[in-house]
């Protein structure tokens, strides 16, 4: 009875599905970035800069809402995540402001609960096991790192550009939307040319975004190539499987050929016996 009770007590702790370490690290870094954006929203910045920060904050809220739904659907019972692991705080910290729900800005502090929970999960991981997991699932880590790098470059460059360019009378980047459009065009190395910085800080930021864009686009291309082109291990495994099939087919053919030869030898022996019986003639009668 005591053992069954102990198992029953341990069951709720194992009822929540465990994400991969790469996903947990991705959500952890995104939570830290969101807290940084929350701190910047409290500073006396320009209206255009605050509007751009609100856009990025709402994008992060969308990701957090998706994470909340995944955690809730993967928890059995649902109360294990929503109540015992304080999932309701994750929900409060994921509500977007959408430009008019200003009161929800205070709910951003609830993201500290998600930060503490993921930190506690990763702290319980063995360092050697974590390194082995990174080496084994390096493709998954590469995807999340590339997404985080792209988001960081776009968000930071947008905030810097709109802050330094919107106050310059010679600049054509006036709003957060202009700066965001410029950041997307520059990081993809397209260079559309309708929006461009004119200040020294803006041009230095543009150079950084150009170099970062080359690396990010190259990483995305290599990730796509790794998904489409089989790895050396997969090619070797496929070759071994083909060799095994060929060897099995050869063995089957040899066995069939040997069986046919044995049957022909048996028929030949029977014919020889019949010939020998015919050469001796019919048996003599009294």
C-alpha atoms as a PDB file:
ATOM      1  CA  UNK A   1       0.000   0.000   0.000  1.00  0.00           C
ATOM      2  CA  UNK A   2       2.774   2.393   0.883  1.00  0.00           C
ATOM      3  CA  UNK A   3       4.489   1.681  -2.451  1.00  0.00           C
ATOM      4  CA  UNK A   4       1.280   2.310  -4.388  1.00  0.00           C
ATOM      5  CA  UNK A   5       0.742   5.578  -2.523  1.00  0.00           C
ATOM      6  CA  UNK A   6       4.318   6.649  -3.291  1.00  0.00           C
ATOM      7  CA  UNK A   7       3.783   5.846  -6.977  1.00  0.00           C
ATOM      8  CA  UNK A   8       0.530   7.769  -6.942  1.00  0.00           C
ATOM      9  CA  UNK A   9       2.315  10.749  -5.415  1.00  0.00           C
ATOM     10  CA  UNK A  10       5.028  10.606  -8.096  1.00  0.00           C
ATOM     11  CA  UNK A  11       2.542  10.264 -10.962  1.00  0.00           C
ATOM     12  CA  UNK A  12       1.523  13.951 -11.180  1.00  0.00           C
ATOM     13  CA  UNK A  13       5.174  15.046 -11.316  1.00  0.00           C
ATOM     14  CA  UNK A  14       5.678  12.854 -14.382  1.00  0.00           C
ATOM     15  CA  UNK A  15       2.394  13.878 -16.023  1.00  0.00           C
ATOM     16  CA  UNK A  16       3.821  16.928 -17.798  1.00  0.00           C
ATOM     17  CA  UNK A  17       5.589  16.305 -21.092  1.00  0.00           C
ATOM     18  CA  UNK A  18       9.274  17.262 -21.117  1.00  0.00           C
ATOM     19  CA  UNK A  19      10.556  19.441 -23.923  1.00  0.00           C
ATOM     20  CA  UNK A  20      13.979  19.107 -25.483  1.00  0.00           C
ATOM     21  CA  UNK A  21      16.848  21.068 -23.978  1.00  0.00           C
ATOM     22  CA  UNK A  22      17.173  23.160 -27.141  1.00  0.00           C
ATOM     23  CA  UNK A  23      13.535  24.239 -26.893  1.00  0.00           C
ATOM     24  CA  UNK A  24      13.892  25.077 -23.190  1.00  0.00           C
ATOM     25  CA  UNK A  25      17.010  27.152 -23.881  1.00  0.00           C
ATOM     26  CA  UNK A  26      15.210  28.931 -26.731  1.00  0.00           C
ATOM     27  CA  UNK A  27      12.281  29.868 -24.461  1.00  0.00           C
ATOM     28  CA  UNK A  28      14.708  30.845 -21.667  1.00  0.00           C
ATOM     29  CA  UNK A  29      16.668  33.253 -23.891  1.00  0.00           C
ATOM     30  CA  UNK A  30      13.442  34.638 -25.356  1.00  0.00           C
ATOM     31  CA  UNK A  31      12.154  35.260 -21.828  1.00  0.00           C
ATOM     32  CA  UNK A  32      15.327  37.186 -20.941  1.00  0.00           C
ATOM     33  CA  UNK A  33      14.964  39.248 -24.125  1.00  0.00           C
ATOM     34  CA  UNK A  34      11.336  40.000 -23.272  1.00  0.00           C
ATOM     35  CA  UNK A  35      12.309  41.194 -19.805  1.00  0.00           C
ATOM     36  CA  UNK A  36      14.900  43.480 -21.406  1.00  0.00           C
ATOM     37  CA  UNK A  37      12.242  44.898 -23.733  1.00  0.00           C
ATOM     38  CA  UNK A  38       9.971  45.414 -20.730  1.00  0.00           C
ATOM     39  CA  UNK A  39      12.714  47.420 -19.021  1.00  0.00           C
ATOM     40  CA  UNK A  40      13.254  49.540 -22.161  1.00  0.00           C
ATOM     41  CA  UNK A  41       9.538  50.310 -22.350  1.00  0.00           C
ATOM     42  CA  UNK A  42       9.863  52.024 -18.963  1.00  0.00           C
ATOM     43  CA  UNK A  43      12.545  54.427 -20.223  1.00  0.00           C
ATOM     44  CA  UNK A  44      11.741  57.915 -21.573  1.00  0.00           C
ATOM     45  CA  UNK A  45      12.320  57.031 -25.219  1.00  0.00           C
ATOM     46  CA  UNK A  46      10.673  58.485 -28.291  1.00  0.00           C
ATOM     47  CA  UNK A  47       7.176  57.479 -29.339  1.00  0.00           C
ATOM     48  CA  UNK A  48       8.464  55.774 -32.486  1.00  0.00           C
ATOM     49  CA  UNK A  49      10.970  53.741 -30.462  1.00  0.00           C
ATOM     50  CA  UNK A  50       8.356  52.700 -27.913  1.00  0.00           C
ATOM     51  CA  UNK A  51       6.015  51.674 -30.736  1.00  0.00           C
ATOM     52  CA  UNK A  52       8.739  49.468 -32.253  1.00  0.00           C
ATOM     53  CA  UNK A  53       9.463  47.880 -28.863  1.00  0.00           C
ATOM     54  CA  UNK A  54       5.747  47.175 -28.416  1.00  0.00           C
ATOM     55  CA  UNK A  55       5.682  45.345 -31.758  1.00  0.00           C
ATOM     56  CA  UNK A  56       8.517  43.044 -30.706  1.00  0.00           C
ATOM     57  CA  UNK A  57       6.939  42.529 -27.298  1.00  0.00           C
ATOM     58  CA  UNK A  58       3.671  41.453 -28.910  1.00  0.00           C
ATOM     59  CA  UNK A  59       5.538  39.042 -31.205  1.00  0.00           C
ATOM     60  CA  UNK A  60       7.156  37.438 -28.171  1.00  0.00           C
ATOM     61  CA  UNK A  61       3.722  37.245 -26.526  1.00  0.00           C
ATOM     62  CA  UNK A  62       2.486  35.194 -29.488  1.00  0.00           C
ATOM     63  CA  UNK A  63       5.369  32.731 -29.039  1.00  0.00           C
ATOM     64  CA  UNK A  64       4.678  32.523 -25.302  1.00  0.00           C
ATOM     65  CA  UNK A  65       0.984  31.866 -25.929  1.00  0.00           C
ATOM     66  CA  UNK A  66       1.904  28.999 -28.258  1.00  0.00           C
ATOM     67  CA  UNK A  67       4.278  27.664 -25.598  1.00  0.00           C
ATOM     68  CA  UNK A  68       1.496  27.896 -22.994  1.00  0.00           C
ATOM     69  CA  UNK A  69      -0.927  25.928 -25.204  1.00  0.00           C
ATOM     70  CA  UNK A  70       1.713  23.249 -25.894  1.00  0.00           C
ATOM     71  CA  UNK A  71       2.482  22.861 -22.186  1.00  0.00           C
ATOM     72  CA  UNK A  72      -1.196  22.775 -21.271  1.00  0.00           C
ATOM     73  CA  UNK A  73      -2.089  20.172 -23.894  1.00  0.00           C
ATOM     74  CA  UNK A  74       0.916  18.048 -22.934  1.00  0.00           C
ATOM     75  CA  UNK A  75       0.007  18.012 -19.236  1.00  0.00           C
ATOM     76  CA  UNK A  76      -2.196  15.223 -17.857  1.00  0.00           C
ATOM     77  CA  UNK A  77      -4.044  16.259 -15.829  1.00  0.00           C
ATOM     78  CA  UNK A  78      -4.151  19.847 -17.047  1.00  0.00           C
ATOM     79  CA  UNK A  79      -4.120  21.156 -13.481  1.00  0.00           C
ATOM     80  CA  UNK A  80      -0.586  19.771 -13.026  1.00  0.00           C
ATOM     81  CA  UNK A  81       0.822  22.469 -15.291  1.00  0.00           C
ATOM     82  CA  UNK A  82      -1.804  25.179 -14.865  1.00  0.00           C
ATOM     83  CA  UNK A  83      -1.935  25.104 -11.044  1.00  0.00           C
ATOM     84  CA  UNK A  84       0.986  23.214  -9.541  1.00  0.00           C
ATOM     85  CA  UNK A  85       3.601  24.520 -12.010  1.00  0.00           C
ATOM     86  CA  UNK A  86       1.971  27.982 -12.099  1.00  0.00           C
ATOM     87  CA  UNK A  87       0.993  27.853 -15.732  1.00  0.00           C
ATOM     88  CA  UNK A  88      -1.567  30.568 -15.036  1.00  0.00           C
ATOM     89  CA  UNK A  89       1.361  32.944 -14.522  1.00  0.00           C
ATOM     90  CA  UNK A  90       2.672  31.964 -17.952  1.00  0.00           C
ATOM     91  CA  UNK A  91      -0.737  32.854 -19.382  1.00  0.00           C
ATOM     92  CA  UNK A  92      -0.791  36.248 -17.675  1.00  0.00           C
ATOM     93  CA  UNK A  93       2.732  37.016 -18.880  1.00  0.00           C
ATOM     94  CA  UNK A  94       1.781  36.086 -22.448  1.00  0.00           C
ATOM     95  CA  UNK A  95      -1.123  38.484 -22.920  1.00  0.00           C
ATOM     96  CA  UNK A  96      -0.236  41.035 -25.637  1.00  0.00           C
ATOM     97  CA  UNK A  97      -0.957  44.710 -25.124  1.00  0.00           C
ATOM     98  CA  UNK A  98      -1.893  45.280 -28.799  1.00  0.00           C
ATOM     99  CA  UNK A  99      -1.284  49.009 -28.389  1.00  0.00           C
ATOM    100  CA  UNK A 100      -4.376  49.745 -26.316  1.00  0.00           C
ATOM    101  CA  UNK A 101      -4.335  47.293 -23.386  1.00  0.00           C
ATOM    102  CA  UNK A 102      -1.762  49.255 -21.418  1.00  0.00           C
ATOM    103  CA  UNK A 103      -2.742  47.580 -18.125  1.00  0.00           C
ATOM    104  CA  UNK A 104      -1.347  44.262 -19.364  1.00  0.00           C
ATOM    105  CA  UNK A 105       2.158  45.751 -19.210  1.00  0.00           C
ATOM    106  CA  UNK A 106       2.169  45.096 -15.469  1.00  0.00           C
ATOM    107  CA  UNK A 107       1.498  41.418 -16.151  1.00  0.00           C
ATOM    108  CA  UNK A 108       4.916  41.081 -17.830  1.00  0.00           C
ATOM    109  CA  UNK A 109       6.400  40.461 -14.387  1.00  0.00           C
ATOM    110  CA  UNK A 110       4.659  37.078 -14.445  1.00  0.00           C
ATOM    111  CA  UNK A 111       7.309  35.992 -16.972  1.00  0.00           C
ATOM    112  CA  UNK A 112       9.721  35.649 -14.068  1.00  0.00           C
ATOM    113  CA  UNK A 113       7.855  32.449 -13.171  1.00  0.00           C
ATOM    114  CA  UNK A 114       8.629  30.938 -16.598  1.00  0.00           C
ATOM    115  CA  UNK A 115      12.246  32.066 -16.251  1.00  0.00           C
ATOM    116  CA  UNK A 116      12.578  30.434 -12.816  1.00  0.00           C
ATOM    117  CA  UNK A 117      10.939  27.175 -13.937  1.00  0.00           C
ATOM    118  CA  UNK A 118      13.101  26.690 -17.041  1.00  0.00           C
ATOM    119  CA  UNK A 119      16.245  27.658 -15.134  1.00  0.00           C
ATOM    120  CA  UNK A 120      15.392  25.062 -12.504  1.00  0.00           C
ATOM    121  CA  UNK A 121      14.869  22.391 -15.178  1.00  0.00           C
ATOM    122  CA  UNK A 122      18.156  23.133 -16.935  1.00  0.00           C
ATOM    123  CA  UNK A 123      20.035  23.317 -13.641  1.00  0.00           C
ATOM    124  CA  UNK A 124      18.986  19.740 -12.920  1.00  0.00           C
ATOM    125  CA  UNK A 125      20.627  18.537 -16.143  1.00  0.00           C
ATOM    126  CA  UNK A 126      24.020  16.900 -16.016  1.00  0.00           C
ATOM    127  CA  UNK A 127      26.595  19.069 -17.800  1.00  0.00           C
ATOM    128  CA  UNK A 128      28.128  16.153 -19.675  1.00  0.00           C
ATOM    129  CA  UNK A 129      24.680  14.945 -20.743  1.00  0.00           C
ATOM    130  CA  UNK A 130      23.813  18.482 -21.872  1.00  0.00           C
ATOM    131  CA  UNK A 131      26.983  18.698 -23.986  1.00  0.00           C
ATOM    132  CA  UNK A 132      26.228  15.278 -25.500  1.00  0.00           C
ATOM    133  CA  UNK A 133      22.698  16.435 -26.252  1.00  0.00           C
ATOM    134  CA  UNK A 134      24.048  19.528 -28.029  1.00  0.00           C
ATOM    135  CA  UNK A 135      26.397  17.391 -30.150  1.00  0.00           C
ATOM    136  CA  UNK A 136      23.715  14.805 -30.910  1.00  0.00           C
ATOM    137  CA  UNK A 137      20.971  17.332 -31.769  1.00  0.00           C
ATOM    138  CA  UNK A 138      23.148  20.089 -33.203  1.00  0.00           C
ATOM    139  CA  UNK A 139      20.745  20.629 -36.094  1.00  0.00           C
ATOM    140  CA  UNK A 140      17.884  21.468 -33.734  1.00  0.00           C
ATOM    141  CA  UNK A 141      20.131  23.780 -31.706  1.00  0.00           C
ATOM    142  CA  UNK A 142      21.295  25.463 -34.921  1.00  0.00           C
ATOM    143  CA  UNK A 143      17.689  26.241 -35.907  1.00  0.00           C
ATOM    144  CA  UNK A 144      16.857  27.851 -32.556  1.00  0.00           C
ATOM    145  CA  UNK A 145      20.154  29.767 -32.395  1.00  0.00           C
ATOM    146  CA  UNK A 146      19.641  31.116 -35.914  1.00  0.00           C
ATOM    147  CA  UNK A 147      16.079  32.224 -35.089  1.00  0.00           C
ATOM    148  CA  UNK A 148      17.246  33.949 -31.910  1.00  0.00           C
ATOM    149  CA  UNK A 149      20.133  35.632 -33.719  1.00  0.00           C
ATOM    150  CA  UNK A 150      17.825  36.904 -36.469  1.00  0.00           C
ATOM    151  CA  UNK A 151      15.318  38.224 -33.931  1.00  0.00           C
ATOM    152  CA  UNK A 152      18.032  39.927 -31.891  1.00  0.00           C
ATOM    153  CA  UNK A 153      19.629  41.591 -34.910  1.00  0.00           C
ATOM    154  CA  UNK A 154      16.289  42.797 -36.285  1.00  0.00           C
ATOM    155  CA  UNK A 155      14.976  44.073 -32.946  1.00  0.00           C
ATOM    156  CA  UNK A 156      18.188  45.776 -31.796  1.00  0.00           C
ATOM    157  CA  UNK A 157      18.883  47.378 -35.175  1.00  0.00           C
ATOM    158  CA  UNK A 158      15.276  48.571 -35.465  1.00  0.00           C
ATOM    159  CA  UNK A 159      15.376  50.241 -32.047  1.00  0.00           C
ATOM    160  CA  UNK A 160      18.752  51.890 -32.697  1.00  0.00           C
ATOM    161  CA  UNK A 161      17.810  53.111 -36.163  1.00  0.00           C
ATOM    162  CA  UNK A 162      14.454  54.550 -35.172  1.00  0.00           C
ATOM    163  CA  UNK A 163      16.018  56.232 -32.138  1.00  0.00           C
ATOM    164  CA  UNK A 164      18.844  57.969 -34.018  1.00  0.00           C
ATOM    165  CA  UNK A 165      17.204  58.502 -37.401  1.00  0.00           C
ATOM    166  CA  UNK A 166      13.727  59.714 -36.464  1.00  0.00           C
ATOM    167  CA  UNK A 167      15.153  62.928 -34.965  1.00  0.00           C
ATOM    168  CA  UNK A 168      17.317  63.758 -37.982  1.00  0.00           C
ATOM    169  CA  UNK A 169      15.628  66.118 -40.486  1.00  0.00           C
ATOM    170  CA  UNK A 170      17.513  64.589 -43.442  1.00  0.00           C
ATOM    171  CA  UNK A 171      16.469  61.002 -42.668  1.00  0.00           C
ATOM    172  CA  UNK A 172      13.612  59.169 -44.391  1.00  0.00           C
ATOM    173  CA  UNK A 173      13.220  56.692 -41.509  1.00  0.00           C
ATOM    174  CA  UNK A 174      10.628  58.303 -39.270  1.00  0.00           C
ATOM    175  CA  UNK A 175       8.537  55.576 -37.683  1.00  0.00           C
ATOM    176  CA  UNK A 176       9.052  52.177 -36.134  1.00  0.00           C
ATOM    177  CA  UNK A 177       7.493  50.604 -39.235  1.00  0.00           C
ATOM    178  CA  UNK A 178      10.080  52.305 -41.445  1.00  0.00           C
ATOM    179  CA  UNK A 179      12.912  51.053 -39.255  1.00  0.00           C
ATOM    180  CA  UNK A 180      11.490  47.517 -39.154  1.00  0.00           C
ATOM    181  CA  UNK A 181      11.124  47.452 -42.939  1.00  0.00           C
ATOM    182  CA  UNK A 182      14.703  48.693 -43.316  1.00  0.00           C
ATOM    183  CA  UNK A 183      15.960  46.007 -40.892  1.00  0.00           C
ATOM    184  CA  UNK A 184      14.242  43.193 -42.829  1.00  0.00           C
ATOM    185  CA  UNK A 185      15.483  44.464 -46.174  1.00  0.00           C
ATOM    186  CA  UNK A 186      19.048  44.863 -44.896  1.00  0.00           C
ATOM    187  CA  UNK A 187      19.355  41.569 -43.008  1.00  0.00           C
ATOM    188  CA  UNK A 188      18.190  39.646 -46.078  1.00  0.00           C
ATOM    189  CA  UNK A 189      20.912  41.454 -48.087  1.00  0.00           C
ATOM    190  CA  UNK A 190      18.269  42.619 -50.583  1.00  0.00           C
ATOM    191  CA  UNK A 191      19.042  46.331 -50.259  1.00  0.00           C
ATOM    192  CA  UNK A 192      15.755  47.694 -51.617  1.00  0.00           C
ATOM    193  CA  UNK A 193      17.012  51.248 -51.136  1.00  0.00           C
ATOM    194  CA  UNK A 194      13.803  53.109 -50.317  1.00  0.00           C
ATOM    195  CA  UNK A 195      14.854  53.508 -46.661  1.00  0.00           C
ATOM    196  CA  UNK A 196      18.448  54.176 -45.623  1.00  0.00           C
ATOM    197  CA  UNK A 197      20.270  55.693 -42.626  1.00  0.00           C
ATOM    198  CA  UNK A 198      22.057  59.019 -42.891  1.00  0.00           C
ATOM    199  CA  UNK A 199      23.625  59.357 -39.427  1.00  0.00           C
ATOM    200  CA  UNK A 200      26.982  57.926 -38.443  1.00  0.00           C
ATOM    201  CA  UNK A 201      25.463  55.598 -35.807  1.00  0.00           C
ATOM    202  CA  UNK A 202      22.793  54.494 -38.274  1.00  0.00           C
ATOM    203  CA  UNK A 203      25.330  53.620 -40.949  1.00  0.00           C
ATOM    204  CA  UNK A 204      27.511  51.751 -38.455  1.00  0.00           C
ATOM    205  CA  UNK A 205      24.417  49.775 -37.440  1.00  0.00           C
ATOM    206  CA  UNK A 206      23.719  49.076 -41.113  1.00  0.00           C
ATOM    207  CA  UNK A 207      27.209  47.626 -41.587  1.00  0.00           C
ATOM    208  CA  UNK A 208      26.684  45.345 -38.589  1.00  0.00           C
ATOM    209  CA  UNK A 209      23.287  44.193 -39.898  1.00  0.00           C
ATOM    210  CA  UNK A 210      24.766  43.465 -43.344  1.00  0.00           C
ATOM    211  CA  UNK A 211      27.517  41.241 -41.954  1.00  0.00           C
ATOM    212  CA  UNK A 212      25.088  39.549 -39.569  1.00  0.00           C
ATOM    213  CA  UNK A 213      22.639  38.997 -42.417  1.00  0.00           C
ATOM    214  CA  UNK A 214      25.253  37.190 -44.497  1.00  0.00           C
ATOM    215  CA  UNK A 215      25.933  34.818 -41.603  1.00  0.00           C
ATOM    216  CA  UNK A 216      22.253  34.253 -40.793  1.00  0.00           C
ATOM    217  CA  UNK A 217      21.245  33.630 -44.406  1.00  0.00           C
ATOM    218  CA  UNK A 218      24.207  31.269 -44.767  1.00  0.00           C
ATOM    219  CA  UNK A 219      23.145  29.387 -41.639  1.00  0.00           C
ATOM    220  CA  UNK A 220      19.584  29.049 -42.917  1.00  0.00           C
ATOM    221  CA  UNK A 221      20.879  27.766 -46.245  1.00  0.00           C
ATOM    222  CA  UNK A 222      23.108  25.179 -44.545  1.00  0.00           C
ATOM    223  CA  UNK A 223      20.233  24.044 -42.303  1.00  0.00           C
ATOM    224  CA  UNK A 224      17.992  23.633 -45.340  1.00  0.00           C
ATOM    225  CA  UNK A 225      20.727  21.733 -47.156  1.00  0.00           C
ATOM    226  CA  UNK A 226      21.191  19.401 -44.179  1.00  0.00           C
ATOM    227  CA  UNK A 227      17.468  18.636 -44.242  1.00  0.00           C
ATOM    228  CA  UNK A 228      17.418  17.907 -47.971  1.00  0.00           C
ATOM    229  CA  UNK A 229      20.787  16.153 -48.366  1.00  0.00           C
ATOM    230  CA  UNK A 230      21.314  12.961 -46.331  1.00  0.00           C
ATOM    231  CA  UNK A 231      24.194  12.954 -43.891  1.00  0.00           C
ATOM    232  CA  UNK A 232      27.240  10.692 -44.124  1.00  0.00           C
ATOM    233  CA  UNK A 233      25.824   8.432 -41.409  1.00  0.00           C
ATOM    234  CA  UNK A 234      22.512   8.086 -43.248  1.00  0.00           C
ATOM    235  CA  UNK A 235      24.312   7.412 -46.531  1.00  0.00           C
ATOM    236  CA  UNK A 236      26.487   4.770 -44.874  1.00  0.00           C
ATOM    237  CA  UNK A 237      23.459   3.177 -43.242  1.00  0.00           C
ATOM    238  CA  UNK A 238      21.613   3.138 -46.568  1.00  0.00           C
ATOM    239  CA  UNK A 239      24.674   1.572 -48.239  1.00  0.00           C
ATOM    240  CA  UNK A 240      24.910  -1.089 -45.537  1.00  0.00           C
ATOM    241  CA  UNK A 241      21.219  -1.861 -45.925  1.00  0.00           C
ATOM    242  CA  UNK A 242      21.611  -2.143 -49.702  1.00  0.00           C
ATOM    243  CA  UNK A 243      24.628  -4.445 -49.260  1.00  0.00           C
ATOM    244  CA  UNK A 244      22.653  -6.578 -46.828  1.00  0.00           C
ATOM    245  CA  UNK A 245      19.745  -6.852 -49.275  1.00  0.00           C
ATOM    246  CA  UNK A 246      22.122  -7.718 -52.111  1.00  0.00           C
ATOM    247  CA  UNK A 247      23.869 -10.338 -49.977  1.00  0.00           C
ATOM    248  CA  UNK A 248      20.530 -11.874 -49.003  1.00  0.00           C
ATOM    249  CA  UNK A 249      19.407 -11.938 -52.638  1.00  0.00           C
ATOM    250  CA  UNK A 250      22.699 -13.555 -53.718  1.00  0.00           C
ATOM    251  CA  UNK A 251      22.442 -16.161 -50.969  1.00  0.00           C
ATOM    252  CA  UNK A 252      18.860 -16.943 -51.964  1.00  0.00           C
ATOM    253  CA  UNK A 253      19.846 -17.282 -55.635  1.00  0.00           C
ATOM    254  CA  UNK A 254      22.769 -19.572 -54.778  1.00  0.00           C
ATOM    255  CA  UNK A 255      20.556 -21.703 -52.558  1.00  0.00           C
ATOM    256  CA  UNK A 256      17.933 -22.006 -55.317  1.00  0.00           C
ATOM    257  CA  UNK A 257      20.590 -22.877 -57.901  1.00  0.00           C
ATOM    258  CA  UNK A 258      22.079 -25.511 -55.575  1.00  0.00           C
ATOM    259  CA  UNK A 259      18.642 -27.011 -54.950  1.00  0.00           C
ATOM    260  CA  UNK A 260      17.990 -27.228 -58.718  1.00  0.00           C
ATOM    261  CA  UNK A 261      21.360 -28.943 -59.234  1.00  0.00           C
ATOM    262  CA  UNK A 262      20.553 -31.440 -56.486  1.00  0.00           C
ATOM    263  CA  UNK A 263      17.193 -32.197 -58.080  1.00  0.00           C
ATOM    264  CA  UNK A 264      18.860 -32.669 -61.495  1.00  0.00           C
ATOM    265  CA  UNK A 265      21.421 -34.995 -59.934  1.00  0.00           C
ATOM    266  CA  UNK A 266      18.645 -37.019 -58.326  1.00  0.00           C
ATOM    267  CA  UNK A 267      16.781 -37.268 -61.645  1.00  0.00           C
ATOM    268  CA  UNK A 268      20.003 -38.291 -63.395  1.00  0.00           C
ATOM    269  CA  UNK A 269      20.585 -41.000 -60.779  1.00  0.00           C
ATOM    270  CA  UNK A 270      17.043 -42.332 -61.252  1.00  0.00           C
ATOM    271  CA  UNK A 271      17.514 -42.433 -65.033  1.00  0.00           C
ATOM    272  CA  UNK A 272      20.787 -44.293 -64.575  1.00  0.00           C
ATOM    273  CA  UNK A 273      19.045 -46.831 -62.346  1.00  0.00           C
ATOM    274  CA  UNK A 274      16.289 -47.290 -64.933  1.00  0.00           C
ATOM    275  CA  UNK A 275      18.866 -47.816 -67.687  1.00  0.00           C
ATOM    276  CA  UNK A 276      20.738 -50.316 -65.587  1.00  0.00           C
ATOM    277  CA  UNK A 277      17.497 -52.198 -64.884  1.00  0.00           C
ATOM    278  CA  UNK A 278      16.648 -52.264 -68.634  1.00  0.00           C
ATOM    279  CA  UNK A 279      20.140 -53.533 -69.579  1.00  0.00           C
ATOM    280  CA  UNK A 280      19.824 -56.534 -67.252  1.00  0.00           C
ATOM    281  CA  UNK A 281      16.632 -57.575 -69.096  1.00  0.00           C
ATOM    282  CA  UNK A 282      13.518 -59.129 -67.636  1.00  0.00           C
ATOM    283  CA  UNK A 283      14.010 -61.590 -64.845  1.00  0.00           C
ATOM    284  CA  UNK A 284      14.230 -65.317 -65.901  1.00  0.00           C
ATOM    285  CA  UNK A 285      11.093 -67.491 -65.310  1.00  0.00           C
ATOM    286  CA  UNK A 286      11.003 -71.216 -64.472  1.00  0.00           C
END
